[in-house]
C-alpha atoms as a PDB file:
ATOM      1  CA  MET A   1       5.111  15.399   3.237  1.00  0.00           C
ATOM      2  CA  THR A   2       2.091  13.280   4.388  1.00  0.00           C
ATOM      3  CA  THR A   3       1.732  10.090   4.823  1.00  0.00           C
ATOM      4  CA  GLU A   4      -0.896   7.618   5.040  1.00  0.00           C
ATOM      5  CA  LEU A   5      -1.560   4.225   6.372  1.00  0.00           C
ATOM      6  CA  LEU A   6      -3.611   1.453   4.997  1.00  0.00           C
ATOM      7  CA  LEU A   7      -4.400  -1.964   6.532  1.00  0.00           C
ATOM      8  CA  VAL A   8      -4.340  -4.693   3.710  1.00  0.00           C
ATOM      9  CA  GLU A   9      -5.452  -8.165   3.568  1.00  0.00           C
ATOM     10  CA  GLY A  10      -4.165 -11.113   1.686  1.00  0.00           C
ATOM     11  CA  MET A  11      -0.961 -10.536   2.225  1.00  0.00           C
ATOM     12  CA  THR A  12       1.112 -13.991   2.914  1.00  0.00           C
ATOM     13  CA  CYS A  13       5.422 -13.350   1.835  1.00  0.00           C
ATOM     14  CA  GLU A  14       7.530 -11.177   0.532  1.00  0.00           C
ATOM     15  CA  HIS A  15       6.562 -11.015  -3.097  1.00  0.00           C
ATOM     16  CA  CYS A  16       3.084  -9.767  -2.076  1.00  0.00           C
ATOM     17  CA  VAL A  17       5.087  -7.105   0.277  1.00  0.00           C
ATOM     18  CA  MET A  18       7.361  -6.107  -3.479  1.00  0.00           C
ATOM     19  CA  SER A  19       3.742  -6.316  -5.712  1.00  0.00           C
ATOM     20  CA  VAL A  20       2.177  -4.027  -3.553  1.00  0.00           C
ATOM     21  CA  THR A  21       5.054  -1.425  -2.968  1.00  0.00           C
ATOM     22  CA  GLU A  22       5.207  -1.799  -6.664  1.00  0.00           C
ATOM     23  CA  GLU A  23       2.215  -1.095  -7.836  1.00  0.00           C
ATOM     24  CA  LEU A  24       2.147   1.898  -5.123  1.00  0.00           C
ATOM     25  CA  SER A  25       5.306   3.839  -6.082  1.00  0.00           C
ATOM     26  CA  GLU A  26       4.384   4.424  -9.632  1.00  0.00           C
ATOM     27  CA  LEU A  27       1.756   6.154  -8.053  1.00  0.00           C
ATOM     28  CA  ASP A  28       2.286  10.089  -8.919  1.00  0.00           C
ATOM     29  CA  GLY A  29       3.897  11.839  -6.103  1.00  0.00           C
ATOM     30  CA  VAL A  30       4.856   8.818  -3.871  1.00  0.00           C
ATOM     31  CA  SER A  31       8.140   9.087  -2.084  1.00  0.00           C
ATOM     32  CA  ASP A  32       8.531   5.976   0.052  1.00  0.00           C
ATOM     33  CA  VAL A  33       6.574   2.757   0.795  1.00  0.00           C
ATOM     34  CA  ALA A  34       6.378   0.321   4.003  1.00  0.00           C
ATOM     35  CA  VAL A  35       5.093  -2.509   4.858  1.00  0.00           C
ATOM     36  CA  GLN A  36       5.006  -4.192   8.033  1.00  0.00           C
ATOM     37  CA  LEU A  37       3.761  -7.881   6.952  1.00  0.00           C
ATOM     38  CA  VAL A  38       1.628  -9.909   9.261  1.00  0.00           C
ATOM     39  CA  PRO A  39       1.078 -13.035   7.258  1.00  0.00           C
ATOM     40  CA  GLY A  40      -2.772 -13.964   6.973  1.00  0.00           C
ATOM     41  CA  GLY A  41      -3.928 -10.905   9.295  1.00  0.00           C
ATOM     42  CA  ARG A  42      -3.588  -6.823   7.693  1.00  0.00           C
ATOM     43  CA  SER A  43      -0.422  -5.810   7.229  1.00  0.00           C
ATOM     44  CA  GLU A  44       0.706  -1.700   7.695  1.00  0.00           C
ATOM     45  CA  VAL A  45       1.360  -0.203   4.694  1.00  0.00           C
ATOM     46  CA  THR A  46       2.474   3.353   4.861  1.00  0.00           C
ATOM     47  CA  VAL A  47       2.571   5.250   2.015  1.00  0.00           C
ATOM     48  CA  THR A  48       4.573   8.500   2.043  1.00  0.00           C
ATOM     49  CA  SER A  49       4.461  11.420  -0.952  1.00  0.00           C
ATOM     50  CA  ASP A  50       5.153  14.907  -1.483  1.00  0.00           C
ATOM     51  CA  ALA A  51       1.578  15.716  -1.739  1.00  0.00           C
ATOM     52  CA  PRO A  52      -1.966  13.990  -0.762  1.00  0.00           C
ATOM     53  CA  VAL A  53      -2.712  10.827  -2.852  1.00  0.00           C
ATOM     54  CA  ALA A  54      -6.208  10.689  -3.450  1.00  0.00           C
ATOM     55  CA  ALA A  55      -7.908   7.646  -1.485  1.00  0.00           C
ATOM     56  CA  GLU A  56      -9.468   6.231  -4.253  1.00  0.00           C
ATOM     57  CA  ALA A  57      -5.943   5.717  -6.546  1.00  0.00           C
ATOM     58  CA  LEU A  58      -4.343   3.749  -3.155  1.00  0.00           C
ATOM     59  CA  ARG A  59      -7.304   1.400  -3.385  1.00  0.00           C
ATOM     60  CA  ASP A  60      -6.611   0.636  -7.091  1.00  0.00           C
ATOM     61  CA  ALA A  61      -3.274   0.430  -6.386  1.00  0.00           C
ATOM     62  CA  VAL A  62      -3.252  -2.298  -3.886  1.00  0.00           C
ATOM     63  CA  THR A  63      -6.182  -3.637  -5.802  1.00  0.00           C
ATOM     64  CA  GLU A  64      -4.184  -3.719  -8.695  1.00  0.00           C
ATOM     65  CA  ALA A  65      -1.310  -6.043  -7.189  1.00  0.00           C
ATOM     66  CA  GLY A  66      -4.210  -8.383  -5.800  1.00  0.00           C
ATOM     67  CA  TYR A  67      -4.926  -7.336  -2.248  1.00  0.00           C
ATOM     68  CA  GLU A  68      -7.520  -5.218  -0.801  1.00  0.00           C
ATOM     69  CA  VAL A  69      -7.733  -2.036   1.060  1.00  0.00           C
ATOM     70  CA  VAL A  70      -9.691  -2.576   4.731  1.00  0.00           C
ATOM     71  CA  ARG A  71      -8.893   0.677   6.363  1.00  0.00           C
ATOM     72  CA  SER A  72      -7.452   3.421   5.211  1.00  0.00           C
END
């Protein structure tokens, strides 16, 4: 198991959390996504997977949901 912490800007509500969680959960190997929502700030998104997932794939999934990874 591996864990990756992302800082994501632009999330403001539970709908945002659901969108990001859905996109990240679709990636191969991802077993869990946990979001600590900070409305108007940088939310912490923890992605747990069976094997490492490419940082680019994680960023692309967050971007697809409509948000921006500011640090991974």
